[in-house]
Amino acid sequence: MLLLLTVANAAVAAKLCDWMAGHVTHGDSAEAGTQDSPHVNVALTFAGLRAFGLGEDQLELFPEEFRHGMAARAGLLGDVRNNHPRRWRRPLDANTGKVEIDPETAHVVLQLRCKATNGASPDVEWGTGHPLYSAAQKVLAANLGVVLLAVQTLSRRYNAEKRIQEHFGWADGNGQPEPEAGLENDDANRVHLGEIVNGHDNAADFADLADPRQAWLADGSFLVVRKYRQFPGRLEKAAAVTAQAMSAAFGGVPPDWLEVIYGKLMGRTRNGSPVVDPARLNRFDYRNDSDGRVCPLRAHIRLAHPRSTPPGHARQG
């Protein structure tokens, strides 16, 4: 879950920093979070950095996209008409559950994550029945002066093979960027460390934190939180109609064409196998499919990760 928090003043912010230093989960932790001891991650918003005491000379060093926020850049992002910020469903006040709050007023986004063991539905709403409700209350009790604005519940879904499955039905999480050598699949998914965290070289440039005001940014990153409304039924209907048309035009039965359609859209079949080489989950490239006949050039995974550079230097899109 995500907790959207505010701090009453700089002193409260300082105490929260001390608390976070002892509770944020370390990156090399191999243990799964539990309901009593969840994994903890934290992000500070632009408003939060100001509330935590950063001066304007430091704040102006941040990228314009971060300083201005998503709503202010709606036109550039294509958020127009039905997707205009005026139509966004903003988080509801955690106390009443009725009044929308402006997420840009939040100072801190705290993520709590665990593997639920009480049989809770993945769609359980915020309240006493949520697996992480007790853990969230402990966070607030330990940090007086920190106010809970809103809660966004999160859940992970699994298919029949116990693999992560996103809402449109594809197995998910098959290809993650790997900044360290020696890991499985590193030849296909390797990226520069600077693609993920500040203060390190990336594929485009060398690290430059010469300005002492930027030193504290080292090993930090930027987090984008965006809530989408998805319509799986619409995709299923469109795919079924197309499968019927392909069956009529080329023969065969619609269910077989249906998997072809899903594979062409994603670049992977719904079980996660790449269409260019089903036997290799991640150790593949497009050198034998440069024109996109097998995996279309605009398939999701090909746009996100072209795999066009030598192994060990691939850049995650």
Protein backbone atom coordinates (compact mmCIF):
# COMPACT_ATOMS: atom_id res chain seq x y z
CA MET A 1 0.00 0.00 0.00
CA LEU A 2 0.98 3.64 -0.39
CA LEU A 3 0.52 6.05 2.51
CA LEU A 4 0.36 9.71 1.52
CA LEU A 5 1.67 11.71 4.47
CA THR A 6 2.32 15.28 5.52
CA VAL A 7 4.59 16.59 8.27
CA ALA A 8 3.52 19.35 10.65
CA ASN A 9 6.88 21.12 10.69
CA ALA A 10 10.62 20.71 10.10
CA ALA A 11 11.18 19.18 13.53
CA VAL A 12 8.65 16.44 12.81
CA ALA A 13 10.32 15.93 9.43
CA ALA A 14 13.71 15.48 11.11
CA LYS A 15 12.30 12.84 13.48
CA LEU A 16 10.65 11.05 10.55
CA CYS A 17 14.02 10.97 8.78
CA ASP A 18 15.52 9.26 11.81
CA TRP A 19 12.69 6.72 11.82
CA MET A 20 13.07 6.04 8.08
CA ALA A 21 16.82 5.47 8.45
CA GLY A 22 16.10 2.54 10.72
CA HIS A 23 13.12 1.08 8.90
CA VAL A 24 13.58 1.44 5.12
CA THR A 25 14.24 -2.01 3.68
CA HIS A 26 17.75 -2.57 2.40
CA GLY A 27 18.10 -3.50 -1.26
CA ASP A 28 19.85 -6.78 -0.60
CA SER A 29 17.18 -8.08 1.77
CA ALA A 30 16.22 -11.59 0.70
CA GLU A 31 13.39 -12.00 3.19
CA ALA A 32 9.80 -11.39 2.18
CA GLY A 33 7.96 -8.73 4.14
CA THR A 34 5.37 -9.89 6.63
CA GLN A 35 2.25 -8.23 7.97
CA ASP A 36 4.04 -7.48 11.24
CA SER A 37 7.32 -6.48 9.58
CA PRO A 38 6.59 -5.27 6.04
CA HIS A 39 9.08 -4.03 3.51
CA VAL A 40 9.30 -0.24 3.68
CA ASN A 41 10.22 2.20 0.94
CA VAL A 42 9.89 5.97 0.92
CA ALA A 43 9.74 8.86 -1.52
CA LEU A 44 9.68 12.60 -0.90
CA THR A 45 7.59 14.88 -3.09
CA PHE A 46 8.73 18.31 -4.25
CA ALA A 47 6.49 19.88 -1.61
CA GLY A 48 7.96 17.43 0.86
CA LEU A 49 11.53 18.47 0.13
CA ARG A 50 10.57 22.03 0.89
CA ALA A 51 8.82 20.97 4.10
CA PHE A 52 11.92 18.99 5.08
CA GLY A 53 13.96 22.18 4.92
CA LEU A 54 15.64 22.30 1.53
CA GLY A 55 16.36 25.82 0.34
CA GLU A 56 15.22 27.26 -2.95
CA ASP A 57 18.76 27.15 -4.34
CA GLN A 58 18.74 23.38 -3.83
CA LEU A 59 15.20 22.85 -5.06
CA GLU A 60 15.90 24.62 -8.34
CA LEU A 61 18.48 21.95 -9.19
CA PHE A 62 15.77 19.33 -9.63
CA PRO A 63 14.43 18.55 -13.12
CA GLU A 64 11.59 20.71 -14.34
CA GLU A 65 9.33 17.65 -14.68
CA PHE A 66 9.69 16.93 -10.97
CA ARG A 67 9.30 20.54 -9.86
CA HIS A 68 6.20 21.26 -11.94
CA GLY A 69 4.38 17.98 -11.40
CA MET A 70 2.20 15.85 -13.64
CA ALA A 71 -0.97 17.96 -13.72
CA ALA A 72 0.87 21.12 -14.77
CA ARG A 73 2.40 19.23 -17.70
CA ALA A 74 -0.83 17.56 -18.82
CA GLY A 75 -0.68 19.01 -22.34
CA LEU A 76 2.85 17.74 -22.92
CA LEU A 77 1.94 14.30 -21.59
CA GLY A 78 -1.19 13.98 -23.71
CA ASP A 79 -3.54 14.21 -20.75
CA VAL A 80 -6.33 16.01 -22.60
CA ARG A 81 -10.08 15.57 -23.06
CA ASN A 82 -11.16 12.48 -21.08
CA ASN A 83 -7.71 12.23 -19.51
CA HIS A 84 -7.53 15.87 -18.46
CA PRO A 85 -6.52 16.39 -14.80
CA ARG A 86 -10.02 17.71 -14.06
CA ARG A 87 -11.27 14.16 -14.68
CA TRP A 88 -8.65 12.39 -12.57
CA ARG A 89 -9.92 10.38 -9.63
CA ARG A 90 -7.83 11.73 -6.80
CA PRO A 91 -7.21 9.89 -3.53
CA LEU A 92 -9.93 10.09 -0.90
CA ASP A 93 -9.27 11.51 2.54
CA ALA A 94 -8.16 8.68 4.81
CA ASN A 95 -10.40 9.82 7.67
CA THR A 96 -13.72 10.33 5.91
CA GLY A 97 -13.24 8.31 2.72
CA LYS A 98 -15.38 10.88 0.94
CA VAL A 99 -13.40 14.06 0.20
CA GLU A 100 -10.77 14.04 -2.55
CA ILE A 101 -7.35 15.36 -1.60
CA ASP A 102 -4.76 16.93 -3.89
CA PRO A 103 -1.85 14.45 -4.04
CA GLU A 104 0.56 17.32 -4.66
CA THR A 105 0.00 18.45 -1.08
CA ALA A 106 1.54 15.21 0.22
CA HIS A 107 5.07 15.45 1.57
CA VAL A 108 5.94 11.77 1.80
CA VAL A 109 4.84 8.62 -0.04
CA LEU A 110 5.52 5.62 2.18
CA GLN A 111 5.18 2.15 0.71
CA LEU A 112 4.46 -0.85 2.92
CA ARG A 113 4.60 -4.26 1.27
CA CYS A 114 4.13 -7.81 2.50
CA LYS A 115 2.85 -11.22 1.54
CA ALA A 116 -0.61 -11.42 3.06
CA THR A 117 -1.24 -14.51 5.17
CA ASN A 118 -4.71 -13.90 6.54
CA GLY A 119 -6.56 -14.92 3.39
CA ALA A 120 -7.44 -11.33 2.53
CA SER A 121 -8.74 -10.64 -0.96
CA PRO A 122 -6.26 -8.76 -3.19
CA ASP A 123 -8.95 -6.11 -3.61
CA VAL A 124 -9.53 -5.50 0.11
CA GLU A 125 -10.08 -1.83 0.84
CA TRP A 126 -8.33 0.25 3.46
CA GLY A 127 -9.61 -0.42 6.95
CA THR A 128 -9.14 -2.69 9.93
CA GLY A 129 -9.42 -5.76 7.72
CA HIS A 130 -6.48 -4.79 5.52
CA PRO A 131 -3.36 -6.95 6.07
CA LEU A 132 -1.20 -3.85 6.62
CA TYR A 133 -3.61 -1.77 8.67
CA SER A 134 -1.85 -2.53 11.97
CA ALA A 135 1.59 -1.81 10.50
CA ALA A 136 0.40 1.55 9.15
CA GLN A 137 -1.02 2.51 12.53
CA LYS A 138 2.32 1.70 14.15
CA VAL A 139 4.08 4.02 11.70
CA LEU A 140 1.78 6.87 12.67
CA ALA A 141 2.03 6.14 16.38
CA ALA A 142 5.83 6.24 16.17
CA ASN A 143 5.82 9.58 14.34
CA LEU A 144 3.61 12.10 16.12
CA GLY A 145 2.99 15.12 13.93
CA VAL A 146 2.90 13.02 10.77
CA VAL A 147 -0.60 13.15 9.28
CA LEU A 148 -2.11 10.48 7.06
CA LEU A 149 -3.79 12.17 4.09
CA ALA A 150 -4.80 9.19 1.99
CA VAL A 151 -4.15 5.51 1.34
CA GLN A 152 -3.79 3.74 -2.00
CA THR A 153 -4.09 -0.01 -1.60
CA LEU A 154 -1.97 -2.19 -3.87
CA SER A 155 -2.10 -5.86 -4.76
CA ARG A 156 -0.29 -8.38 -6.91
CA ARG A 157 -2.17 -11.00 -8.86
CA TYR A 158 -1.00 -14.48 -9.84
CA ASN A 159 -2.05 -16.87 -12.57
CA ALA A 160 -2.64 -20.62 -12.26
CA GLU A 161 1.12 -21.25 -12.50
CA LYS A 162 1.72 -18.90 -9.54
CA ARG A 163 3.38 -16.33 -11.77
CA ILE A 164 2.70 -12.61 -11.51
CA GLN A 165 -0.14 -11.62 -13.83
CA GLU A 166 -1.15 -8.12 -14.82
CA HIS A 167 -4.79 -7.15 -15.28
CA PHE A 168 -4.93 -7.75 -19.05
CA GLY A 169 -3.88 -11.36 -18.53
CA TRP A 170 -0.17 -11.49 -19.41
CA ALA A 171 2.41 -13.04 -17.11
CA ASP A 172 4.41 -10.07 -15.86
CA GLY A 173 7.81 -9.25 -14.41
CA ASN A 174 9.79 -11.44 -16.81
CA GLY A 175 12.39 -8.86 -17.82
CA GLN A 176 13.71 -6.48 -15.18
CA PRO A 177 16.75 -4.22 -15.68
CA GLU A 178 19.81 -5.64 -13.96
CA PRO A 179 22.58 -3.17 -13.07
CA GLU A 180 24.94 -5.77 -11.62
CA ALA A 181 27.04 -8.30 -13.51
CA GLY A 182 26.89 -11.98 -12.77
CA LEU A 183 23.12 -12.22 -12.40
CA GLU A 184 20.93 -14.53 -14.44
CA ASN A 185 19.90 -12.93 -17.76
CA ASP A 186 22.40 -10.09 -17.29
CA ASP A 187 23.52 -10.41 -20.93
CA ALA A 188 20.08 -9.32 -22.16
CA ASN A 189 18.84 -7.06 -19.36
CA ARG A 190 22.04 -5.37 -18.22
CA VAL A 191 21.82 -1.59 -17.79
CA HIS A 192 24.14 1.07 -16.46
CA LEU A 193 23.61 1.73 -12.77
CA GLY A 194 23.04 5.40 -13.62
CA GLU A 195 19.88 4.46 -15.49
CA ILE A 196 18.31 3.67 -12.13
CA VAL A 197 20.02 5.82 -9.49
CA ASN A 198 21.67 9.23 -9.49
CA GLY A 199 25.38 9.71 -9.12
CA HIS A 200 26.52 7.01 -11.55
CA ASP A 201 27.31 6.84 -15.26
CA ASN A 202 24.47 5.96 -17.61
CA ALA A 203 24.28 5.15 -21.31
CA ALA A 204 24.05 8.81 -22.31
CA ASP A 205 26.46 10.62 -19.99
CA PHE A 206 28.90 10.45 -17.13
CA ALA A 207 27.87 11.15 -13.55
CA ASP A 208 28.30 14.76 -12.48
CA LEU A 209 27.58 15.70 -8.89
CA ALA A 210 30.34 18.29 -8.64
CA ASP A 211 27.98 20.87 -7.17
CA PRO A 212 28.08 20.26 -3.39
CA ARG A 213 24.37 21.06 -3.23
CA GLN A 214 23.73 17.89 -5.24
CA ALA A 215 25.85 15.53 -3.19
CA TRP A 216 22.91 14.28 -1.13
CA LEU A 217 21.19 13.15 -4.36
CA ALA A 218 23.76 10.38 -4.82
CA ASP A 219 22.20 6.90 -4.93
CA GLY A 220 18.68 8.35 -5.04
CA SER A 221 16.13 7.96 -7.79
CA PHE A 222 12.82 9.38 -9.01
CA LEU A 223 9.49 7.63 -8.51
CA VAL A 224 6.47 8.20 -10.73
CA VAL A 225 3.11 7.34 -9.17
CA ARG A 226 0.32 7.23 -11.69
CA LYS A 227 -3.00 5.45 -11.32
CA TYR A 228 -4.58 4.08 -14.48
CA ARG A 229 -8.06 2.84 -15.11
CA GLN A 230 -7.92 -0.28 -17.26
CA PHE A 231 -10.64 -1.97 -19.29
CA PRO A 232 -9.66 -5.63 -19.83
CA GLY A 233 -13.10 -6.42 -21.23
CA ARG A 234 -12.61 -3.97 -24.09
CA LEU A 235 -9.32 -5.59 -25.07
CA GLU A 236 -10.84 -9.07 -24.88
CA LYS A 237 -13.73 -8.01 -27.09
CA ALA A 238 -11.49 -6.36 -29.70
CA ALA A 239 -9.12 -9.35 -29.75
CA ALA A 240 -12.03 -11.79 -30.16
CA VAL A 241 -13.47 -9.83 -33.10
CA THR A 242 -10.06 -9.70 -34.77
CA ALA A 243 -9.51 -13.42 -34.20
CA GLN A 244 -12.83 -14.18 -35.90
CA ALA A 245 -11.84 -12.03 -38.88
CA MET A 246 -8.43 -13.68 -39.17
CA SER A 247 -10.00 -17.13 -38.97
CA ALA A 248 -12.37 -16.25 -41.80
CA ALA A 249 -9.55 -14.82 -43.92
CA PHE A 250 -6.76 -17.30 -43.29
CA GLY A 251 -8.46 -20.43 -41.93
CA GLY A 252 -7.93 -22.10 -38.60
CA VAL A 253 -9.95 -21.57 -35.46
CA PRO A 254 -10.34 -18.23 -33.61
CA PRO A 255 -8.74 -19.39 -30.31
CA ASP A 256 -5.45 -20.08 -32.12
CA TRP A 257 -5.47 -16.64 -33.74
CA LEU A 258 -6.32 -15.10 -30.38
CA GLU A 259 -2.93 -16.09 -28.95
CA VAL A 260 -1.21 -14.73 -32.06
CA ILE A 261 -2.93 -11.38 -31.51
CA TYR A 262 -1.97 -11.18 -27.86
CA GLY A 263 1.59 -12.17 -28.73
CA LYS A 264 1.91 -9.49 -31.41
CA LEU A 265 0.56 -6.80 -29.10
CA MET A 266 2.92 -7.52 -26.23
CA GLY A 267 5.82 -9.28 -27.91
CA ARG A 268 5.17 -12.14 -25.48
CA THR A 269 2.37 -14.67 -25.35
CA ARG A 270 0.13 -14.49 -22.31
CA ASN A 271 2.23 -17.11 -20.54
CA GLY A 272 5.26 -14.80 -20.87
CA SER A 273 7.13 -16.54 -23.70
CA PRO A 274 8.78 -14.12 -26.17
CA VAL A 275 7.39 -14.56 -29.68
CA VAL A 276 10.85 -14.28 -31.30
CA ASP A 277 12.21 -17.21 -29.29
CA PRO A 278 9.68 -18.98 -27.03
CA ALA A 279 12.37 -21.19 -25.50
CA ARG A 280 14.28 -18.23 -24.02
CA LEU A 281 12.52 -16.19 -21.37
CA ASN A 282 14.99 -13.30 -21.48
CA ARG A 283 18.12 -14.36 -23.33
CA PHE A 284 16.96 -13.21 -26.75
CA ASP A 285 17.33 -10.27 -29.12
CA TYR A 286 15.88 -9.13 -32.44
CA ARG A 287 18.88 -9.61 -34.72
CA ASN A 288 16.92 -12.17 -36.81
CA ASP A 289 13.74 -10.07 -36.83
CA SER A 290 14.99 -6.60 -37.77
CA ASP A 291 11.89 -5.85 -39.87
CA GLY A 292 9.45 -6.89 -37.12
CA ARG A 293 7.75 -9.72 -38.98
CA VAL A 294 7.72 -11.96 -35.90
CA CYS A 295 7.66 -9.36 -33.13
CA PRO A 296 6.19 -6.08 -34.42
CA LEU A 297 8.42 -3.04 -34.05
CA ARG A 298 5.75 -1.40 -31.90
CA ALA A 299 5.10 -4.38 -29.63
CA HIS A 300 5.23 -3.35 -25.99
CA ILE A 301 8.39 -5.17 -24.95
CA ARG A 302 10.25 -4.08 -28.09
CA LEU A 303 9.48 -0.42 -27.48
CA ALA A 304 10.36 -0.70 -23.79
CA HIS A 305 13.60 -2.62 -24.36
CA PRO A 306 14.84 -2.67 -27.99
CA ARG A 307 17.78 -4.96 -27.14
CA SER A 308 19.63 -3.32 -30.00
CA THR A 309 22.93 -2.70 -28.25
CA PRO A 310 25.59 -5.31 -27.39
CA PRO A 311 24.96 -7.53 -24.34
CA GLY A 312 26.02 -5.81 -21.16
CA HIS A 313 25.14 -2.39 -22.59
CA ALA A 314 21.41 -2.73 -23.23
CA ARG A 315 19.42 0.29 -22.17
CA GLN A 316 15.99 -0.11 -20.63
CA GLY A 317 13.47 2.09 -22.41
